[in-house]
N, C-alpha and C. Protein backbone atom coordinates (compact mmCIF):
# COMPACT_ATOMS: atom_id res chain seq x y z
N UNK A 1 110.87 77.62 117.98
CA UNK A 1 110.60 76.30 118.47
C UNK A 1 109.41 76.28 119.41
N UNK A 2 109.18 77.34 120.17
CA UNK A 2 108.05 77.40 121.08
C UNK A 2 106.72 77.45 120.32
N UNK A 3 106.69 78.11 119.17
CA UNK A 3 105.47 78.17 118.36
C UNK A 3 105.13 76.77 117.84
N UNK A 4 106.12 76.04 117.42
CA UNK A 4 105.91 74.69 116.93
C UNK A 4 105.29 73.81 118.02
N UNK A 5 105.80 73.90 119.22
CA UNK A 5 105.27 73.11 120.33
C UNK A 5 103.84 73.54 120.69
N UNK A 6 103.58 74.83 120.61
CA UNK A 6 102.24 75.32 120.91
C UNK A 6 101.24 74.81 119.87
N UNK A 7 101.64 74.79 118.61
CA UNK A 7 100.76 74.29 117.55
C UNK A 7 100.54 72.79 117.72
N UNK A 8 101.59 72.07 118.04
CA UNK A 8 101.46 70.62 118.18
C UNK A 8 100.57 70.23 119.36
N UNK A 9 100.52 71.08 120.38
CA UNK A 9 99.63 70.80 121.50
C UNK A 9 98.17 70.94 121.08
N UNK A 10 97.91 71.79 120.12
CA UNK A 10 96.54 72.08 119.68
C UNK A 10 96.24 71.46 118.31
N UNK A 11 96.89 70.37 117.95
CA UNK A 11 96.73 69.75 116.63
C UNK A 11 95.30 69.30 116.35
N UNK A 12 94.56 68.97 117.38
CA UNK A 12 93.20 68.47 117.18
C UNK A 12 92.29 69.53 116.57
N UNK A 13 92.64 70.81 116.72
CA UNK A 13 91.82 71.85 116.09
C UNK A 13 91.90 71.77 114.57
N UNK A 14 93.04 71.35 114.05
CA UNK A 14 93.15 71.17 112.60
C UNK A 14 92.21 70.05 112.14
N UNK A 15 92.10 69.01 112.94
CA UNK A 15 91.20 67.91 112.60
C UNK A 15 89.75 68.37 112.65
N UNK A 16 89.40 69.13 113.67
CA UNK A 16 88.02 69.62 113.80
C UNK A 16 87.66 70.55 112.64
N UNK A 17 88.52 71.49 112.33
CA UNK A 17 88.25 72.42 111.23
C UNK A 17 88.19 71.65 109.91
N UNK A 18 89.09 70.69 109.71
CA UNK A 18 89.06 69.88 108.49
C UNK A 18 87.77 69.09 108.35
N UNK A 19 87.28 68.55 109.44
CA UNK A 19 86.03 67.78 109.42
C UNK A 19 84.85 68.69 109.08
N UNK A 20 84.82 69.88 109.64
CA UNK A 20 83.73 70.82 109.36
C UNK A 20 83.75 71.24 107.90
N UNK A 21 84.91 71.52 107.37
CA UNK A 21 85.02 71.93 105.96
C UNK A 21 84.62 70.77 105.04
N UNK A 22 85.03 69.56 105.38
CA UNK A 22 84.71 68.41 104.53
C UNK A 22 83.22 68.09 104.52
N UNK A 23 82.49 68.46 105.57
CA UNK A 23 81.05 68.22 105.61
C UNK A 23 80.33 68.96 104.49
N UNK A 24 80.86 70.06 104.04
CA UNK A 24 80.23 70.81 102.95
C UNK A 24 80.26 70.03 101.64
N UNK A 25 81.25 69.16 101.46
CA UNK A 25 81.40 68.42 100.21
C UNK A 25 80.86 67.00 100.29
N UNK A 26 80.43 66.55 101.44
CA UNK A 26 79.96 65.18 101.62
C UNK A 26 78.76 64.83 100.75
N UNK A 27 77.74 65.68 100.62
CA UNK A 27 76.59 65.31 99.78
C UNK A 27 76.97 65.01 98.33
N UNK A 28 78.00 65.64 97.83
CA UNK A 28 78.44 65.38 96.46
C UNK A 28 78.88 63.93 96.30
N UNK A 29 79.53 63.39 97.29
CA UNK A 29 80.03 62.01 97.20
C UNK A 29 78.98 60.97 97.56
N UNK A 30 77.91 61.39 98.22
CA UNK A 30 76.90 60.43 98.64
C UNK A 30 75.71 60.33 97.68
N UNK A 31 75.66 61.17 96.66
CA UNK A 31 74.57 61.09 95.70
C UNK A 31 74.61 59.75 94.97
N UNK A 32 73.43 59.27 94.65
CA UNK A 32 73.33 57.99 93.94
C UNK A 32 73.74 58.14 92.48
N UNK A 33 74.38 57.10 91.95
CA UNK A 33 74.77 57.08 90.55
C UNK A 33 73.67 56.43 89.72
N UNK A 34 73.44 56.99 88.56
CA UNK A 34 72.50 56.40 87.61
C UNK A 34 73.12 55.12 87.05
N UNK A 35 72.41 53.99 87.10
CA UNK A 35 73.00 52.75 86.57
C UNK A 35 73.13 52.75 85.05
N UNK A 36 72.45 53.65 84.36
CA UNK A 36 72.52 53.68 82.90
C UNK A 36 73.66 54.55 82.40
N UNK A 37 73.79 55.78 82.92
CA UNK A 37 74.83 56.68 82.41
C UNK A 37 76.00 56.84 83.38
N UNK A 38 75.89 56.29 84.59
CA UNK A 38 76.95 56.29 85.60
C UNK A 38 77.31 57.69 86.12
N UNK A 39 76.41 58.65 85.98
CA UNK A 39 76.65 59.99 86.50
C UNK A 39 75.88 60.16 87.80
N UNK A 40 76.33 61.07 88.63
CA UNK A 40 75.70 61.31 89.93
C UNK A 40 74.60 62.37 89.82
N UNK A 41 73.63 62.10 89.00
CA UNK A 41 72.51 63.03 88.81
C UNK A 41 71.17 62.37 89.05
N UNK A 42 71.12 61.35 89.86
CA UNK A 42 69.88 60.64 90.16
C UNK A 42 69.14 61.40 91.26
N UNK A 43 67.89 61.73 90.99
CA UNK A 43 67.07 62.47 91.94
C UNK A 43 65.84 61.66 92.31
N UNK A 44 65.42 61.78 93.56
CA UNK A 44 64.23 61.10 94.03
C UNK A 44 62.99 61.82 93.52
N UNK A 45 62.00 61.06 93.09
CA UNK A 45 60.72 61.62 92.65
C UNK A 45 59.78 61.56 93.84
N UNK A 46 59.32 62.73 94.29
CA UNK A 46 58.41 62.79 95.43
C UNK A 46 56.97 62.65 94.94
N UNK A 47 56.24 61.73 95.54
CA UNK A 47 54.86 61.47 95.14
C UNK A 47 53.89 62.06 96.15
N UNK A 48 52.73 62.49 95.65
CA UNK A 48 51.68 62.91 96.57
C UNK A 48 51.05 61.65 97.19
N UNK A 49 50.32 61.83 98.25
CA UNK A 49 49.79 60.69 99.01
C UNK A 49 48.85 59.83 98.17
N UNK A 50 48.00 60.45 97.38
CA UNK A 50 47.03 59.71 96.57
C UNK A 50 47.73 58.81 95.55
N UNK A 51 48.73 59.32 94.89
CA UNK A 51 49.47 58.53 93.91
C UNK A 51 50.21 57.38 94.59
N UNK A 52 50.84 57.66 95.72
CA UNK A 52 51.58 56.63 96.44
C UNK A 52 50.66 55.49 96.88
N UNK A 53 49.51 55.82 97.44
CA UNK A 53 48.56 54.79 97.88
C UNK A 53 48.05 53.99 96.69
N UNK A 54 47.76 54.65 95.57
CA UNK A 54 47.29 53.96 94.38
C UNK A 54 48.31 52.95 93.87
N UNK A 55 49.57 53.33 93.85
CA UNK A 55 50.63 52.42 93.39
C UNK A 55 50.81 51.28 94.37
N UNK A 56 50.77 51.56 95.66
CA UNK A 56 50.94 50.51 96.67
C UNK A 56 49.80 49.50 96.60
N UNK A 57 48.58 49.97 96.39
CA UNK A 57 47.44 49.05 96.30
C UNK A 57 47.54 48.18 95.05
N UNK A 58 47.96 48.77 93.95
CA UNK A 58 48.03 48.03 92.69
C UNK A 58 49.18 47.03 92.66
N UNK A 59 50.32 47.41 93.22
CA UNK A 59 51.53 46.60 93.10
C UNK A 59 51.79 45.69 94.30
N UNK A 60 51.17 45.97 95.43
CA UNK A 60 51.41 45.19 96.66
C UNK A 60 52.88 45.23 97.07
N UNK A 61 53.52 46.35 96.79
CA UNK A 61 54.91 46.58 97.19
C UNK A 61 54.93 47.91 97.94
N UNK A 62 55.11 47.83 99.24
CA UNK A 62 54.91 49.01 100.10
C UNK A 62 56.04 50.03 100.03
N UNK A 63 57.24 49.62 99.72
CA UNK A 63 58.38 50.53 99.87
C UNK A 63 59.04 50.87 98.55
N UNK A 64 58.26 51.23 97.56
CA UNK A 64 58.82 51.63 96.27
C UNK A 64 59.25 53.09 96.31
N UNK A 65 60.40 53.36 95.76
CA UNK A 65 60.89 54.72 95.61
C UNK A 65 61.25 54.92 94.15
N UNK A 66 60.84 56.05 93.60
CA UNK A 66 61.07 56.34 92.19
C UNK A 66 62.18 57.37 92.04
N UNK A 67 62.94 57.23 90.95
CA UNK A 67 64.07 58.11 90.68
C UNK A 67 64.05 58.52 89.21
N UNK A 68 64.60 59.70 88.95
CA UNK A 68 64.79 60.17 87.58
C UNK A 68 66.21 60.73 87.47
N UNK A 69 66.89 60.38 86.40
CA UNK A 69 68.24 60.88 86.17
C UNK A 69 68.15 62.20 85.41
N UNK A 70 68.80 63.21 85.93
CA UNK A 70 68.80 64.52 85.27
C UNK A 70 69.71 64.55 84.06
N UNK A 71 70.62 63.61 83.94
CA UNK A 71 71.55 63.59 82.80
C UNK A 71 70.95 62.88 81.59
N UNK A 72 70.51 61.64 81.78
CA UNK A 72 70.03 60.85 80.64
C UNK A 72 68.52 60.70 80.59
N UNK A 73 67.82 61.15 81.65
CA UNK A 73 66.35 61.08 81.66
C UNK A 73 65.80 59.71 82.01
N UNK A 74 66.64 58.80 82.49
CA UNK A 74 66.18 57.46 82.84
C UNK A 74 65.18 57.52 83.98
N UNK A 75 64.17 56.66 83.91
CA UNK A 75 63.18 56.53 84.97
C UNK A 75 63.42 55.20 85.66
N UNK A 76 63.69 55.26 86.96
CA UNK A 76 64.05 54.06 87.71
C UNK A 76 63.22 53.96 88.98
N UNK A 77 63.18 52.76 89.54
CA UNK A 77 62.53 52.56 90.84
C UNK A 77 63.31 51.48 91.58
N UNK A 78 63.09 51.45 92.88
CA UNK A 78 63.68 50.39 93.69
C UNK A 78 62.83 50.18 94.92
N UNK A 79 62.91 48.99 95.45
CA UNK A 79 62.20 48.66 96.68
C UNK A 79 63.22 48.50 97.78
N UNK A 80 63.12 49.33 98.80
CA UNK A 80 64.08 49.40 99.90
C UNK A 80 65.49 49.51 99.36
N UNK A 81 66.34 48.53 99.57
CA UNK A 81 67.72 48.61 99.10
C UNK A 81 68.01 47.65 97.95
N UNK A 82 66.96 47.20 97.27
CA UNK A 82 67.11 46.30 96.13
C UNK A 82 67.78 47.05 94.97
N UNK A 83 68.26 46.34 93.97
CA UNK A 83 68.84 47.03 92.81
C UNK A 83 67.79 47.88 92.08
N UNK A 84 68.26 48.86 91.34
CA UNK A 84 67.35 49.71 90.56
C UNK A 84 66.68 48.89 89.48
N UNK A 85 65.40 49.17 89.25
CA UNK A 85 64.65 48.54 88.17
C UNK A 85 64.21 49.62 87.20
N UNK A 86 64.05 49.25 85.94
CA UNK A 86 63.59 50.18 84.93
C UNK A 86 62.12 50.51 85.18
N UNK A 87 61.77 51.79 85.15
CA UNK A 87 60.39 52.22 85.37
C UNK A 87 59.88 53.01 84.18
N UNK A 88 60.36 52.67 82.98
CA UNK A 88 59.93 53.40 81.78
C UNK A 88 58.64 52.83 81.20
N UNK A 89 58.12 51.75 81.78
CA UNK A 89 56.87 51.15 81.34
C UNK A 89 55.72 52.14 81.59
N UNK A 90 54.67 52.05 80.78
CA UNK A 90 53.55 52.99 80.88
C UNK A 90 52.79 52.88 82.20
N UNK A 91 52.87 51.75 82.89
CA UNK A 91 52.15 51.62 84.16
C UNK A 91 52.73 52.49 85.26
N UNK A 92 53.94 53.00 85.07
CA UNK A 92 54.56 53.88 86.06
C UNK A 92 54.43 55.35 85.70
N UNK A 93 53.71 55.66 84.62
CA UNK A 93 53.56 57.06 84.19
C UNK A 93 52.98 57.95 85.29
N UNK A 94 52.04 57.43 86.05
CA UNK A 94 51.40 58.23 87.10
C UNK A 94 52.43 58.72 88.12
N UNK A 95 53.40 57.89 88.42
CA UNK A 95 54.41 58.27 89.41
C UNK A 95 55.26 59.44 88.91
N UNK A 96 55.53 59.49 87.63
CA UNK A 96 56.41 60.53 87.11
C UNK A 96 55.65 61.76 86.62
N UNK A 97 54.40 61.59 86.17
CA UNK A 97 53.62 62.73 85.68
C UNK A 97 53.03 63.55 86.81
N UNK A 98 52.64 62.90 87.89
CA UNK A 98 52.01 63.61 89.01
C UNK A 98 52.99 63.82 90.17
N UNK A 99 54.25 63.79 89.88
CA UNK A 99 55.26 63.97 90.94
C UNK A 99 55.25 65.40 91.44
N UNK A 100 55.51 65.54 92.72
CA UNK A 100 55.63 66.87 93.30
C UNK A 100 56.92 67.51 92.84
N UNK A 101 56.87 68.78 92.57
CA UNK A 101 58.07 69.49 92.11
C UNK A 101 58.90 69.85 93.34
N UNK A 102 60.14 69.38 93.38
CA UNK A 102 61.03 69.69 94.48
C UNK A 102 62.36 70.17 93.94
N UNK A 103 63.06 70.93 94.74
CA UNK A 103 64.39 71.38 94.39
C UNK A 103 65.36 70.44 95.08
N UNK A 104 66.20 69.79 94.30
CA UNK A 104 67.16 68.83 94.88
C UNK A 104 68.52 69.44 94.98
């Protein structure tokens, strides 16, 4: 009975350890879903500065972010928190062809 009381006094350590362990799995649940195939394989396309400035000047939309789905190959874009838009048109080729290679 004394061990039970000692553990119950220190119950918050279970919460702390549980929170630390759960942090390892959090990125899996926070990844964006592809609107076409509904899988969590959407990756951000990183642009070099020259390409980004060229697109911003042409489109007059300052906060465009490009995405590619690793599952279905969909090319998407969005402005700030707007819904995803299809970016498979040829005018967006520069964003996807000259993208910086990153490990996600």
